[in-house]
Amino acid sequence: MEIFATVLTITDIERRLSVSNGCLLLQALSHFNGCHGRIVLNVKDDEGTFWNFRCLIRTERYGPKLVIVSGWIDFVGTKDLRQGDIVVLYREEDVIAGMEYKIEVKKKNSFSSLNRIKGSLGLN
C-alpha cells in the first residue's frame, strides 16, 4: 500500500523531509500510537539496504505532518537525490517478516527521458 509519494523540494534535499499527507499517512502509522509523536521508521530501499529514519509527527494548523528529522540527509546523499526527484513510501505485509516499509526513488531525469520518448512516438 502506498503511504505517500512526494516531489522533492530544496528543503527536502538540504534539511528534512516533511509530508503533510494527513489521514492516510497517520492511518498507515497507527501502530506507533503512544510514541508521543516520535518514532523510528525502518525502511528498506530497492537495493535491500535498511534505513532508520527518526520521525516526528507534528500537529499542524492544517492537520498532522510527518517530519523525518534524522537519517534522511544520509539517504539523500547516498541516492544522490535532487530537487524534482520523487520519493514513494510503501507499507507491505510480508508473511515471514511481518509489516515492512519500502522506499522507492524515481529520478527526475528518467521521467524527462520517458516523456521525450513518448512525445517522439506521439504517445503524449
PDB file of N, CA and C in Angstrom:
ATOM      1  N   MET A   1       0.844  -1.177   0.000  1.00  0.00           N
ATOM      2  CA  MET A   1       0.000   0.000   0.000  1.00  0.00           C
ATOM      3  C   MET A   1       0.893   1.246   0.000  1.00  0.00           C
ATOM      4  N   GLU A   2       0.629   2.127  -0.943  1.00  0.00           N
ATOM      5  CA  GLU A   2       1.391   3.367  -0.984  1.00  0.00           C
ATOM      6  C   GLU A   2       0.950   4.268   0.155  1.00  0.00           C
ATOM      7  N   ILE A   3       1.912   4.745   0.939  1.00  0.00           N
ATOM      8  CA  ILE A   3       1.612   5.658   2.038  1.00  0.00           C
ATOM      9  C   ILE A   3       1.684   7.096   1.549  1.00  0.00           C
ATOM     10  N   PHE A   4       2.753   7.418   0.826  1.00  0.00           N
ATOM     11  CA  PHE A   4       2.830   8.742   0.220  1.00  0.00           C
ATOM     12  C   PHE A   4       3.832   8.735  -0.922  1.00  0.00           C
ATOM     13  N   ALA A   5       3.652   9.691  -1.808  1.00  0.00           N
ATOM     14  CA  ALA A   5       4.604   9.991  -2.875  1.00  0.00           C
ATOM     15  C   ALA A   5       4.769  11.498  -2.860  1.00  0.00           C
ATOM     16  N   THR A   6       6.003  11.949  -2.976  1.00  0.00           N
ATOM     17  CA  THR A   6       6.236  13.386  -2.941  1.00  0.00           C
ATOM     18  C   THR A   6       7.352  13.771  -3.898  1.00  0.00           C
ATOM     19  N   VAL A   7       7.199  14.931  -4.509  1.00  0.00           N
ATOM     20  CA  VAL A   7       8.238  15.519  -5.356  1.00  0.00           C
ATOM     21  C   VAL A   7       9.133  16.327  -4.425  1.00  0.00           C
ATOM     22  N   LEU A   8      10.416  16.042  -4.451  1.00  0.00           N
ATOM     23  CA  LEU A   8      11.344  16.667  -3.507  1.00  0.00           C
ATOM     24  C   LEU A   8      11.608  18.135  -3.830  1.00  0.00           C
ATOM     25  N   THR A   9      11.671  18.920  -2.758  1.00  0.00           N
ATOM     26  CA  THR A   9      11.985  20.344  -2.844  1.00  0.00           C
ATOM     27  C   THR A   9      13.409  20.567  -2.329  1.00  0.00           C
ATOM     28  N   ILE A  10      13.884  21.781  -2.455  1.00  0.00           N
ATOM     29  CA  ILE A  10      15.206  22.133  -1.923  1.00  0.00           C
ATOM     30  C   ILE A  10      15.271  21.847  -0.426  1.00  0.00           C
ATOM     31  N   THR A  11      14.240  22.214   0.323  1.00  0.00           N
ATOM     32  CA  THR A  11      14.212  21.949   1.772  1.00  0.00           C
ATOM     33  C   THR A  11      14.296  20.457   2.047  1.00  0.00           C
ATOM     34  N   ASP A  12      13.587  19.641   1.264  1.00  0.00           N
ATOM     35  CA  ASP A  12      13.637  18.190   1.431  1.00  0.00           C
ATOM     36  C   ASP A  12      15.055  17.665   1.219  1.00  0.00           C
ATOM     37  N   ILE A  13      15.774  18.241   0.282  1.00  0.00           N
ATOM     38  CA  ILE A  13      17.126  17.799  -0.058  1.00  0.00           C
ATOM     39  C   ILE A  13      18.152  18.265   0.970  1.00  0.00           C
ATOM     40  N   GLU A  14      18.006  19.493   1.456  1.00  0.00           N
ATOM     41  CA  GLU A  14      19.033  20.086   2.308  1.00  0.00           C
ATOM     42  C   GLU A  14      18.800  19.927   3.804  1.00  0.00           C
ATOM     43  N   ARG A  15      17.550  19.710   4.237  1.00  0.00           N
ATOM     44  CA  ARG A  15      17.295  19.738   5.684  1.00  0.00           C
ATOM     45  C   ARG A  15      16.544  18.531   6.211  1.00  0.00           C
ATOM     46  N   ARG A  16      15.332  18.302   5.722  1.00  0.00           N
ATOM     47  CA  ARG A  16      14.468  17.238   6.251  1.00  0.00           C
ATOM     48  C   ARG A  16      13.323  17.034   5.281  1.00  0.00           C
ATOM     49  N   LEU A  17      12.674  15.905   5.426  1.00  0.00           N
ATOM     50  CA  LEU A  17      11.507  15.621   4.596  1.00  0.00           C
ATOM     51  C   LEU A  17      10.257  15.806   5.442  1.00  0.00           C
ATOM     52  N   SER A  18       9.367  16.663   4.973  1.00  0.00           N
ATOM     53  CA  SER A  18       8.082  16.882   5.641  1.00  0.00           C
ATOM     54  C   SER A  18       6.975  16.447   4.703  1.00  0.00           C
ATOM     55  N   VAL A  19       6.060  15.649   5.241  1.00  0.00           N
ATOM     56  CA  VAL A  19       4.948  15.160   4.439  1.00  0.00           C
ATOM     57  C   VAL A  19       3.662  15.448   5.185  1.00  0.00           C
ATOM     58  N   SER A  20       2.789  16.228   4.581  1.00  0.00           N
ATOM     59  CA  SER A  20       1.519  16.563   5.220  1.00  0.00           C
ATOM     60  C   SER A  20       0.385  15.845   4.511  1.00  0.00           C
ATOM     61  N   ASN A  21       0.500  14.527   4.473  1.00  0.00           N
ATOM     62  CA  ASN A  21      -0.483  13.710   3.787  1.00  0.00           C
ATOM     63  C   ASN A  21      -1.572  13.249   4.741  1.00  0.00           C
ATOM     64  N   GLY A  22      -1.583  13.823   5.919  1.00  0.00           N
ATOM     65  CA  GLY A  22      -2.630  13.658   6.912  1.00  0.00           C
ATOM     66  C   GLY A  22      -3.141  12.276   7.193  1.00  0.00           C
ATOM     67  N   CYS A  23      -4.420  12.064   6.943  1.00  0.00           N
ATOM     68  CA  CYS A  23      -5.137  10.872   7.398  1.00  0.00           C
ATOM     69  C   CYS A  23      -4.530   9.570   6.918  1.00  0.00           C
ATOM     70  N   LEU A  24      -4.262   9.441   5.618  1.00  0.00           N
ATOM     71  CA  LEU A  24      -3.727   8.193   5.093  1.00  0.00           C
ATOM     72  C   LEU A  24      -2.397   7.864   5.754  1.00  0.00           C
ATOM     73  N   LEU A  25      -1.562   8.868   5.891  1.00  0.00           N
ATOM     74  CA  LEU A  25      -0.260   8.669   6.492  1.00  0.00           C
ATOM     75  C   LEU A  25      -0.396   8.217   7.939  1.00  0.00           C
ATOM     76  N   LEU A  26      -1.220   8.890   8.696  1.00  0.00           N
ATOM     77  CA  LEU A  26      -1.368   8.533  10.106  1.00  0.00           C
ATOM     78  C   LEU A  26      -2.061   7.194  10.284  1.00  0.00           C
ATOM     79  N   GLN A  27      -2.991   6.856   9.407  1.00  0.00           N
ATOM     80  CA  GLN A  27      -3.606   5.525   9.471  1.00  0.00           C
ATOM     81  C   GLN A  27      -2.553   4.450   9.244  1.00  0.00           C
ATOM     82  N   ALA A  28      -1.679   4.667   8.279  1.00  0.00           N
ATOM     83  CA  ALA A  28      -0.644   3.685   7.973  1.00  0.00           C
ATOM     84  C   ALA A  28       0.336   3.532   9.132  1.00  0.00           C
ATOM     85  N   LEU A  29       0.540   4.606   9.880  1.00  0.00           N
ATOM     86  CA  LEU A  29       1.476   4.569  11.006  1.00  0.00           C
ATOM     87  C   LEU A  29       0.761   4.414  12.347  1.00  0.00           C
ATOM     88  N   SER A  30      -0.475   3.965  12.324  1.00  0.00           N
ATOM     89  CA  SER A  30      -1.285   3.897  13.544  1.00  0.00           C
ATOM     90  C   SER A  30      -0.695   2.976  14.601  1.00  0.00           C
ATOM     91  N   HIS A  31       0.098   1.989  14.211  1.00  0.00           N
ATOM     92  CA  HIS A  31       0.688   1.090  15.196  1.00  0.00           C
ATOM     93  C   HIS A  31       1.760   1.774  16.037  1.00  0.00           C
ATOM     94  N   PHE A  32       2.112   3.027  15.711  1.00  0.00           N
ATOM     95  CA  PHE A  32       3.061   3.794  16.507  1.00  0.00           C
ATOM     96  C   PHE A  32       2.368   4.651  17.563  1.00  0.00           C
ATOM     97  N   ASN A  33       1.063   4.498  17.730  1.00  0.00           N
ATOM     98  CA  ASN A  33       0.344   5.272  18.748  1.00  0.00           C
ATOM     99  C   ASN A  33       0.999   5.083  20.106  1.00  0.00           C
ATOM    100  N   GLY A  34       1.039   6.148  20.868  1.00  0.00           N
ATOM    101  CA  GLY A  34       1.645   6.095  22.186  1.00  0.00           C
ATOM    102  C   GLY A  34       3.120   6.437  22.182  1.00  0.00           C
ATOM    103  N   CYS A  35       3.659   6.814  21.040  1.00  0.00           N
ATOM    104  CA  CYS A  35       5.082   7.146  20.945  1.00  0.00           C
ATOM    105  C   CYS A  35       5.325   8.637  21.156  1.00  0.00           C
ATOM    106  N   HIS A  36       4.306   9.362  21.554  1.00  0.00           N
ATOM    107  CA  HIS A  36       4.406  10.799  21.848  1.00  0.00           C
ATOM    108  C   HIS A  36       4.974  11.586  20.671  1.00  0.00           C
ATOM    109  N   GLY A  37       4.578  11.182  19.446  1.00  0.00           N
ATOM    110  CA  GLY A  37       4.973  11.935  18.263  1.00  0.00           C
ATOM    111  C   GLY A  37       6.362  11.647  17.766  1.00  0.00           C
ATOM    112  N   ARG A  38       7.089  10.727  18.410  1.00  0.00           N
ATOM    113  CA  ARG A  38       8.453  10.388  17.976  1.00  0.00           C
ATOM    114  C   ARG A  38       8.509   8.906  17.640  1.00  0.00           C
ATOM    115  N   ILE A  39       8.955   8.603  16.433  1.00  0.00           N
ATOM    116  CA  ILE A  39       9.040   7.214  16.007  1.00  0.00           C
ATOM    117  C   ILE A  39      10.324   6.995  15.220  1.00  0.00           C
ATOM    118  N   VAL A  40      10.746   5.753  15.131  1.00  0.00           N
ATOM    119  CA  VAL A  40      11.834   5.375  14.233  1.00  0.00           C
ATOM    120  C   VAL A  40      11.216   4.478  13.178  1.00  0.00           C
ATOM    121  N   LEU A  41      11.337   4.897  11.956  1.00  0.00           N
ATOM    122  CA  LEU A  41      10.768   4.187  10.823  1.00  0.00           C
ATOM    123  C   LEU A  41      11.903   3.441  10.119  1.00  0.00           C
ATOM    124  N   ASN A  42      11.853   2.110  10.150  1.00  0.00           N
ATOM    125  CA  ASN A  42      12.854   1.281   9.484  1.00  0.00           C
ATOM    126  C   ASN A  42      12.345   0.977   8.083  1.00  0.00           C
ATOM    127  N   VAL A  43      13.114   1.404   7.086  1.00  0.00           N
ATOM    128  CA  VAL A  43      12.668   1.347   5.699  1.00  0.00           C
ATOM    129  C   VAL A  43      13.721   0.634   4.856  1.00  0.00           C
ATOM    130  N   LYS A  44      13.264  -0.202   3.925  1.00  0.00           N
ATOM    131  CA  LYS A  44      14.170  -0.905   3.016  1.00  0.00           C
ATOM    132  C   LYS A  44      14.073  -0.264   1.629  1.00  0.00           C
ATOM    133  N   ASP A  45      15.241   0.021   1.031  1.00  0.00           N
ATOM    134  CA  ASP A  45      15.231   0.614  -0.312  1.00  0.00           C
ATOM    135  C   ASP A  45      15.255  -0.482  -1.371  1.00  0.00           C
ATOM    136  N   ASP A  46      15.273  -0.073  -2.633  1.00  0.00           N
ATOM    137  CA  ASP A  46      15.203  -1.022  -3.746  1.00  0.00           C
ATOM    138  C   ASP A  46      16.451  -1.887  -3.891  1.00  0.00           C
ATOM    139  N   GLU A  47      17.532  -1.532  -3.196  1.00  0.00           N
ATOM    140  CA  GLU A  47      18.758  -2.328  -3.226  1.00  0.00           C
ATOM    141  C   GLU A  47      18.853  -3.265  -2.021  1.00  0.00           C
ATOM    142  N   GLY A  48      17.842  -3.201  -1.143  1.00  0.00           N
ATOM    143  CA  GLY A  48      17.834  -4.063   0.039  1.00  0.00           C
ATOM    144  C   GLY A  48      18.508  -3.461   1.260  1.00  0.00           C
ATOM    145  N   THR A  49      18.937  -2.206   1.164  1.00  0.00           N
ATOM    146  CA  THR A  49      19.571  -1.524   2.284  1.00  0.00           C
ATOM    147  C   THR A  49      18.497  -1.000   3.227  1.00  0.00           C
ATOM    148  N   PHE A  50      18.709  -1.195   4.527  1.00  0.00           N
ATOM    149  CA  PHE A  50      17.768  -0.683   5.517  1.00  0.00           C
ATOM    150  C   PHE A  50      18.216   0.687   6.001  1.00  0.00           C
ATOM    151  N   TRP A  51      17.251   1.577   6.146  1.00  0.00           N
ATOM    152  CA  TRP A  51      17.465   2.940   6.612  1.00  0.00           C
ATOM    153  C   TRP A  51      16.610   3.153   7.857  1.00  0.00           C
ATOM    154  N   ASN A  52      17.180   3.792   8.866  1.00  0.00           N
ATOM    155  CA  ASN A  52      16.436   4.139  10.081  1.00  0.00           C
ATOM    156  C   ASN A  52      16.193   5.639  10.078  1.00  0.00           C
ATOM    157  N   PHE A  53      14.947   6.007   9.869  1.00  0.00           N
ATOM    158  CA  PHE A  53      14.566   7.415   9.856  1.00  0.00           C
ATOM    159  C   PHE A  53      13.889   7.746  11.182  1.00  0.00           C
ATOM    160  N   ARG A  54      14.459   8.703  11.912  1.00  0.00           N
ATOM    161  CA  ARG A  54      13.806   9.181  13.135  1.00  0.00           C
ATOM    162  C   ARG A  54      12.824  10.266  12.715  1.00  0.00           C
ATOM    163  N   CYS A  55      11.580  10.081  13.131  1.00  0.00           N
ATOM    164  CA  CYS A  55      10.492  10.941  12.667  1.00  0.00           C
ATOM    165  C   CYS A  55       9.764  11.587  13.838  1.00  0.00           C
ATOM    166  N   LEU A  56       9.161  12.703  13.545  1.00  0.00           N
ATOM    167  CA  LEU A  56       8.241  13.376  14.455  1.00  0.00           C
ATOM    168  C   LEU A  56       6.904  13.493  13.759  1.00  0.00           C
ATOM    169  N   ILE A  57       5.854  13.366  14.515  1.00  0.00           N
ATOM    170  CA  ILE A  57       4.536  13.667  13.977  1.00  0.00           C
ATOM    171  C   ILE A  57       4.104  14.961  14.645  1.00  0.00           C
ATOM    172  N   ARG A  58       4.058  16.009  13.843  1.00  0.00           N
ATOM    173  CA  ARG A  58       3.700  17.330  14.353  1.00  0.00           C
ATOM    174  C   ARG A  58       2.232  17.605  14.079  1.00  0.00           C
ATOM    175  N   THR A  59       1.602  18.208  15.031  1.00  0.00           N
ATOM    176  CA  THR A  59       0.227  18.647  14.828  1.00  0.00           C
ATOM    177  C   THR A  59       0.299  20.057  14.282  1.00  0.00           C
ATOM    178  N   GLU A  60      -0.114  20.197  13.054  1.00  0.00           N
ATOM    179  CA  GLU A  60      -0.064  21.486  12.373  1.00  0.00           C
ATOM    180  C   GLU A  60      -1.457  22.091  12.291  1.00  0.00           C
ATOM    181  N   ARG A  61      -1.492  23.325  11.938  1.00  0.00           N
ATOM    182  CA  ARG A  61      -2.753  24.051  11.803  1.00  0.00           C
ATOM    183  C   ARG A  61      -3.703  23.372  10.823  1.00  0.00           C
ATOM    184  N   TYR A  62      -3.148  22.803   9.754  1.00  0.00           N
ATOM    185  CA  TYR A  62      -3.966  22.190   8.710  1.00  0.00           C
ATOM    186  C   TYR A  62      -3.940  20.666   8.766  1.00  0.00           C
ATOM    187  N   GLY A  63      -3.567  20.109   9.892  1.00  0.00           N
ATOM    188  CA  GLY A  63      -3.553  18.656  10.050  1.00  0.00           C
ATOM    189  C   GLY A  63      -2.170  18.147  10.402  1.00  0.00           C
ATOM    190  N   PRO A  64      -2.087  16.883  10.770  1.00  0.00           N
ATOM    191  CA  PRO A  64      -0.810  16.308  11.179  1.00  0.00           C
ATOM    192  C   PRO A  64       0.187  16.240  10.031  1.00  0.00           C
ATOM    193  N   LYS A  65       1.467  16.272  10.399  1.00  0.00           N
ATOM    194  CA  LYS A  65       2.539  16.254   9.408  1.00  0.00           C
ATOM    195  C   LYS A  65       3.640  15.326   9.918  1.00  0.00           C
ATOM    196  N   LEU A  66       4.122  14.434   9.049  1.00  0.00           N
ATOM    197  CA  LEU A  66       5.268  13.588   9.379  1.00  0.00           C
ATOM    198  C   LEU A  66       6.532  14.315   8.951  1.00  0.00           C
ATOM    199  N   VAL A  67       7.504  14.409   9.858  1.00  0.00           N
ATOM    200  CA  VAL A  67       8.770  15.060   9.552  1.00  0.00           C
ATOM    201  C   VAL A  67       9.896  14.075   9.851  1.00  0.00           C
ATOM    202  N   ILE A  68      10.671  13.725   8.818  1.00  0.00           N
ATOM    203  CA  ILE A  68      11.832  12.861   9.019  1.00  0.00           C
ATOM    204  C   ILE A  68      12.995  13.768   9.374  1.00  0.00           C
ATOM    205  N   VAL A  69      13.494  13.636  10.599  1.00  0.00           N
ATOM    206  CA  VAL A  69      14.494  14.570  11.112  1.00  0.00           C
ATOM    207  C   VAL A  69      15.893  13.980  11.201  1.00  0.00           C
ATOM    208  N   SER A  70      16.021  12.659  11.137  1.00  0.00           N
ATOM    209  CA  SER A  70      17.337  12.056  11.259  1.00  0.00           C
ATOM    210  C   SER A  70      17.435  10.853  10.315  1.00  0.00           C
ATOM    211  N   GLY A  71      18.574  10.708   9.677  1.00  0.00           N
ATOM    212  CA  GLY A  71      18.785   9.624   8.736  1.00  0.00           C
ATOM    213  C   GLY A  71      18.440  10.002   7.308  1.00  0.00           C
ATOM    214  N   TRP A  72      17.636  11.015   7.157  1.00  0.00           N
ATOM    215  CA  TRP A  72      17.170  11.419   5.834  1.00  0.00           C
ATOM    216  C   TRP A  72      18.294  11.991   4.972  1.00  0.00           C
ATOM    217  N   ILE A  73      19.114  12.874   5.529  1.00  0.00           N
ATOM    218  CA  ILE A  73      20.172  13.533   4.756  1.00  0.00           C
ATOM    219  C   ILE A  73      21.190  12.500   4.265  1.00  0.00           C
ATOM    220  N   ASP A  74      21.477  11.479   5.075  1.00  0.00           N
ATOM    221  CA  ASP A  74      22.365  10.400   4.625  1.00  0.00           C
ATOM    222  C   ASP A  74      21.758   9.672   3.430  1.00  0.00           C
ATOM    223  N   PHE A  75      20.458   9.420   3.484  1.00  0.00           N
ATOM    224  CA  PHE A  75      19.744   8.771   2.388  1.00  0.00           C
ATOM    225  C   PHE A  75      19.825   9.626   1.125  1.00  0.00           C
ATOM    226  N   VAL A  76      19.572  10.923   1.273  1.00  0.00           N
ATOM    227  CA  VAL A  76      19.625  11.864   0.141  1.00  0.00           C
ATOM    228  C   VAL A  76      21.001  11.821  -0.518  1.00  0.00           C
ATOM    229  N   GLY A  77      22.057  11.862   0.297  1.00  0.00           N
ATOM    230  CA  GLY A  77      23.418  11.852  -0.240  1.00  0.00           C
ATOM    231  C   GLY A  77      23.763  10.545  -0.933  1.00  0.00           C
ATOM    232  N   THR A  78      23.396   9.437  -0.320  1.00  0.00           N
ATOM    233  CA  THR A  78      23.698   8.125  -0.880  1.00  0.00           C
ATOM    234  C   THR A  78      22.974   7.910  -2.210  1.00  0.00           C
ATOM    235  N   LYS A  79      21.741   8.359  -2.285  1.00  0.00           N
ATOM    236  CA  LYS A  79      20.936   8.176  -3.500  1.00  0.00           C
ATOM    237  C   LYS A  79      21.123   9.304  -4.504  1.00  0.00           C
ATOM    238  N   ASP A  80      21.934  10.312  -4.143  1.00  0.00           N
ATOM    239  CA  ASP A  80      22.188  11.470  -4.996  1.00  0.00           C
ATOM    240  C   ASP A  80      20.877  12.113  -5.453  1.00  0.00           C
ATOM    241  N   LEU A  81      20.001  12.356  -4.493  1.00  0.00           N
ATOM    242  CA  LEU A  81      18.691  12.933  -4.807  1.00  0.00           C
ATOM    243  C   LEU A  81      18.815  14.413  -5.134  1.00  0.00           C
ATOM    244  N   ARG A  82      17.937  14.860  -5.995  1.00  0.00           N
ATOM    245  CA  ARG A  82      17.900  16.246  -6.454  1.00  0.00           C
ATOM    246  C   ARG A  82      16.471  16.765  -6.388  1.00  0.00           C
ATOM    247  N   GLN A  83      16.355  18.083  -6.423  1.00  0.00           N
ATOM    248  CA  GLN A  83      15.035  18.710  -6.482  1.00  0.00           C
ATOM    249  C   GLN A  83      14.290  18.168  -7.702  1.00  0.00           C
ATOM    250  N   GLY A  84      13.030  17.788  -7.502  1.00  0.00           N
ATOM    251  CA  GLY A  84      12.225  17.271  -8.594  1.00  0.00           C
ATOM    252  C   GLY A  84      12.151  15.751  -8.646  1.00  0.00           C
ATOM    253  N   ASP A  85      13.096  15.068  -7.965  1.00  0.00           N
ATOM    254  CA  ASP A  85      13.003  13.613  -7.873  1.00  0.00           C
ATOM    255  C   ASP A  85      11.773  13.259  -7.045  1.00  0.00           C
ATOM    256  N   ILE A  86      11.290  12.051  -7.208  1.00  0.00           N
ATOM    257  CA  ILE A  86      10.088  11.609  -6.496  1.00  0.00           C
ATOM    258  C   ILE A  86      10.465  10.483  -5.544  1.00  0.00           C
ATOM    259  N   VAL A  87       9.937  10.559  -4.331  1.00  0.00           N
ATOM    260  CA  VAL A  87      10.132   9.510  -3.335  1.00  0.00           C
ATOM    261  C   VAL A  87       8.761   8.938  -3.006  1.00  0.00           C
ATOM    262  N   VAL A  88       8.689   7.598  -2.995  1.00  0.00           N
ATOM    263  CA  VAL A  88       7.438   6.908  -2.684  1.00  0.00           C
ATOM    264  C   VAL A  88       7.708   5.966  -1.516  1.00  0.00           C
ATOM    265  N   LEU A  89       6.853   6.034  -0.485  1.00  0.00           N
ATOM    266  CA  LEU A  89       6.956   5.145   0.670  1.00  0.00           C
ATOM    267  C   LEU A  89       5.775   4.191   0.644  1.00  0.00           C
ATOM    268  N   TYR A  90       6.079   2.896   0.799  1.00  0.00           N
ATOM    269  CA  TYR A  90       5.067   1.848   0.784  1.00  0.00           C
ATOM    270  C   TYR A  90       5.075   1.098   2.106  1.00  0.00           C
ATOM    271  N   ARG A  91       3.930   0.539   2.447  1.00  0.00           N
ATOM    272  CA  ARG A  91       3.845  -0.406   3.552  1.00  0.00           C
ATOM    273  C   ARG A  91       3.352  -1.718   2.976  1.00  0.00           C
ATOM    274  N   GLU A  92       4.072  -2.795   3.290  1.00  0.00           N
ATOM    275  CA  GLU A  92       3.701  -4.103   2.762  1.00  0.00           C
ATOM    276  C   GLU A  92       3.677  -5.119   3.892  1.00  0.00           C
ATOM    277  N   GLU A  93       2.749  -6.056   3.779  1.00  0.00           N
ATOM    278  CA  GLU A  93       2.684  -7.173   4.714  1.00  0.00           C
ATOM    279  C   GLU A  93       3.486  -8.318   4.126  1.00  0.00           C
ATOM    280  N   ASP A  94       4.444  -8.826   4.888  1.00  0.00           N
ATOM    281  CA  ASP A  94       5.235  -9.969   4.477  1.00  0.00           C
ATOM    282  C   ASP A  94       4.893 -11.123   5.417  1.00  0.00           C
ATOM    283  N   VAL A  95       4.599 -12.288   4.851  1.00  0.00           N
ATOM    284  CA  VAL A  95       4.182 -13.435   5.657  1.00  0.00           C
ATOM    285  C   VAL A  95       5.239 -13.784   6.700  1.00  0.00           C
ATOM    286  N   ILE A  96       6.502 -13.686   6.334  1.00  0.00           N
ATOM    287  CA  ILE A  96       7.585 -14.068   7.247  1.00  0.00           C
ATOM    288  C   ILE A  96       8.045 -12.894   8.100  1.00  0.00           C
ATOM    289  N   ALA A  97       8.321 -11.758   7.474  1.00  0.00           N
ATOM    290  CA  ALA A  97       8.897 -10.613   8.180  1.00  0.00           C
ATOM    291  C   ALA A  97       7.857  -9.743   8.875  1.00  0.00           C
ATOM    292  N   GLY A  98       6.597  -9.919   8.556  1.00  0.00           N
ATOM    293  CA  GLY A  98       5.566  -9.039   9.116  1.00  0.00           C
ATOM    294  C   GLY A  98       5.443  -7.783   8.278  1.00  0.00           C
ATOM    295  N   MET A  99       5.117  -6.670   8.935  1.00  0.00           N
ATOM    296  CA  MET A  99       4.940  -5.414   8.213  1.00  0.00           C
ATOM    297  C   MET A  99       6.298  -4.799   7.883  1.00  0.00           C
ATOM    298  N   GLU A 100       6.449  -4.394   6.626  1.00  0.00           N
ATOM    299  CA  GLU A 100       7.682  -3.761   6.177  1.00  0.00           C
ATOM    300  C   GLU A 100       7.358  -2.447   5.481  1.00  0.00           C
ATOM    301  N   TYR A 101       8.299  -1.512   5.607  1.00  0.00           N
ATOM    302  CA  TYR A 101       8.200  -0.260   4.869  1.00  0.00           C
ATOM    303  C   TYR A 101       9.279  -0.269   3.796  1.00  0.00           C
ATOM    304  N   LYS A 102       8.908   0.162   2.603  1.00  0.00           N
ATOM    305  CA  LYS A 102       9.843   0.219   1.484  1.00  0.00           C
ATOM    306  C   LYS A 102       9.815   1.612   0.896  1.00  0.00           C
ATOM    307  N   ILE A 103      10.987   2.050   0.432  1.00  0.00           N
ATOM    308  CA  ILE A 103      11.090   3.376  -0.169  1.00  0.00           C
ATOM    309  C   ILE A 103      11.626   3.230  -1.586  1.00  0.00           C
ATOM    310  N   GLU A 104      11.045   3.977  -2.484  1.00  0.00           N
ATOM    311  CA  GLU A 104      11.426   3.938  -3.892  1.00  0.00           C
ATOM    312  C   GLU A 104      11.746   5.351  -4.350  1.00  0.00           C
ATOM    313  N   VAL A 105      12.797   5.479  -5.144  1.00  0.00           N
ATOM    314  CA  VAL A 105      13.203   6.769  -5.688  1.00  0.00           C
ATOM    315  C   VAL A 105      12.990   6.742  -7.196  1.00  0.00           C
ATOM    316  N   LYS A 106      12.365   7.782  -7.695  1.00  0.00           N
ATOM    317  CA  LYS A 106      12.188   7.944  -9.143  1.00  0.00           C
ATOM    318  C   LYS A 106      12.898   9.237  -9.521  1.00  0.00           C
ATOM    319  N   LYS A 107      13.983   9.094 -10.256  1.00  0.00           N
ATOM    320  CA  LYS A 107      14.803  10.249 -10.616  1.00  0.00           C
ATOM    321  C   LYS A 107      14.104  11.108 -11.665  1.00  0.00           C
ATOM    322  N   LYS A 108      14.205  12.413 -11.503  1.00  0.00           N
ATOM    323  CA  LYS A 108      13.576  13.367 -12.420  1.00  0.00           C
ATOM    324  C   LYS A 108      14.049  13.155 -13.851  1.00  0.00           C
ATOM    325  N   ASN A 109      15.334  12.900 -14.041  1.00  0.00           N
ATOM    326  CA  ASN A 109      15.878  12.718 -15.388  1.00  0.00           C
ATOM    327  C   ASN A 109      15.241  11.546 -16.109  1.00  0.00           C
ATOM    328  N   SER A 110      14.925  10.478 -15.385  1.00  0.00           N
ATOM    329  CA  SER A 110      14.326   9.312 -16.038  1.00  0.00           C
ATOM    330  C   SER A 110      12.914   9.642 -16.518  1.00  0.00           C
ATOM    331  N   PHE A 111      12.205  10.511 -15.792  1.00  0.00           N
ATOM    332  CA  PHE A 111      10.880  10.935 -16.243  1.00  0.00           C
ATOM    333  C   PHE A 111      10.982  11.824 -17.467  1.00  0.00           C
ATOM    334  N   SER A 112      11.976  12.703 -17.510  1.00  0.00           N
ATOM    335  CA  SER A 112      12.162  13.572 -18.669  1.00  0.00           C
ATOM    336  C   SER A 112      12.469  12.750 -19.909  1.00  0.00           C
ATOM    337  N   SER A 113      13.328  11.739 -19.750  1.00  0.00           N
ATOM    338  CA  SER A 113      13.673  10.872 -20.882  1.00  0.00           C
ATOM    339  C   SER A 113      12.451  10.110 -21.368  1.00  0.00           C
ATOM    340  N   LEU A 114      11.670   9.589 -20.437  1.00  0.00           N
ATOM    341  CA  LEU A 114      10.469   8.843 -20.796  1.00  0.00           C
ATOM    342  C   LEU A 114       9.475   9.734 -21.539  1.00  0.00           C
ATOM    343  N   ASN A 115       9.292  10.956 -21.051  1.00  0.00           N
ATOM    344  CA  ASN A 115       8.372  11.889 -21.716  1.00  0.00           C
ATOM    345  C   ASN A 115       8.850  12.240 -23.118  1.00  0.00           C
ATOM    346  N   ARG A 116      10.172  12.396 -23.318  1.00  0.00           N
ATOM    347  CA  ARG A 116      10.717  12.682 -24.651  1.00  0.00           C
ATOM    348  C   ARG A 116      10.446  11.512 -25.595  1.00  0.00           C
ATOM    349  N   ILE A 117      10.645  10.296 -25.098  1.00  0.00           N
ATOM    350  CA  ILE A 117      10.412   9.109 -25.927  1.00  0.00           C
ATOM    351  C   ILE A 117       8.937   9.022 -26.294  1.00  0.00           C
ATOM    352  N   LYS A 118       8.049   9.219 -25.305  1.00  0.00           N
ATOM    353  CA  LYS A 118       6.609   9.177 -25.571  1.00  0.00           C
ATOM    354  C   LYS A 118       6.226  10.246 -26.603  1.00  0.00           C
ATOM    355  N   GLY A 119       6.806  11.440 -26.449  1.00  0.00           N
ATOM    356  CA  GLY A 119       6.497  12.528 -27.375  1.00  0.00           C
ATOM    357  C   GLY A 119       6.927  12.220 -28.800  1.00  0.00           C
ATOM    358  N   SER A 120       8.132  11.634 -28.932  1.00  0.00           N
ATOM    359  CA  SER A 120       8.611  11.304 -30.279  1.00  0.00           C
ATOM    360  C   SER A 120       7.787  10.201 -30.926  1.00  0.00           C
ATOM    361  N   LEU A 121       7.119   9.379 -30.110  1.00  0.00           N
ATOM    362  CA  LEU A 121       6.267   8.317 -30.641  1.00  0.00           C
ATOM    363  C   LEU A 121       4.813   8.774 -30.801  1.00  0.00           C
ATOM    364  N   GLY A 122       4.538  10.021 -30.389  1.00  0.00           N
ATOM    365  CA  GLY A 122       3.178  10.553 -30.462  1.00  0.00           C
ATOM    366  C   GLY A 122       2.246   9.964 -29.424  1.00  0.00           C
ATOM    367  N   LEU A 123       2.817   9.578 -28.265  1.00  0.00           N
ATOM    368  CA  LEU A 123       2.013   8.942 -27.208  1.00  0.00           C
ATOM    369  C   LEU A 123       1.619   9.892 -26.087  1.00  0.00           C
ATOM    370  N   ASN A 124       1.958  11.151 -26.178  1.00  0.00           N
ATOM    371  CA  ASN A 124       1.613  12.099 -25.096  1.00  0.00           C
ATOM    372  C   ASN A 124       0.185  12.485 -25.124  1.00  0.00           C
TER     373      ASN A 124
END
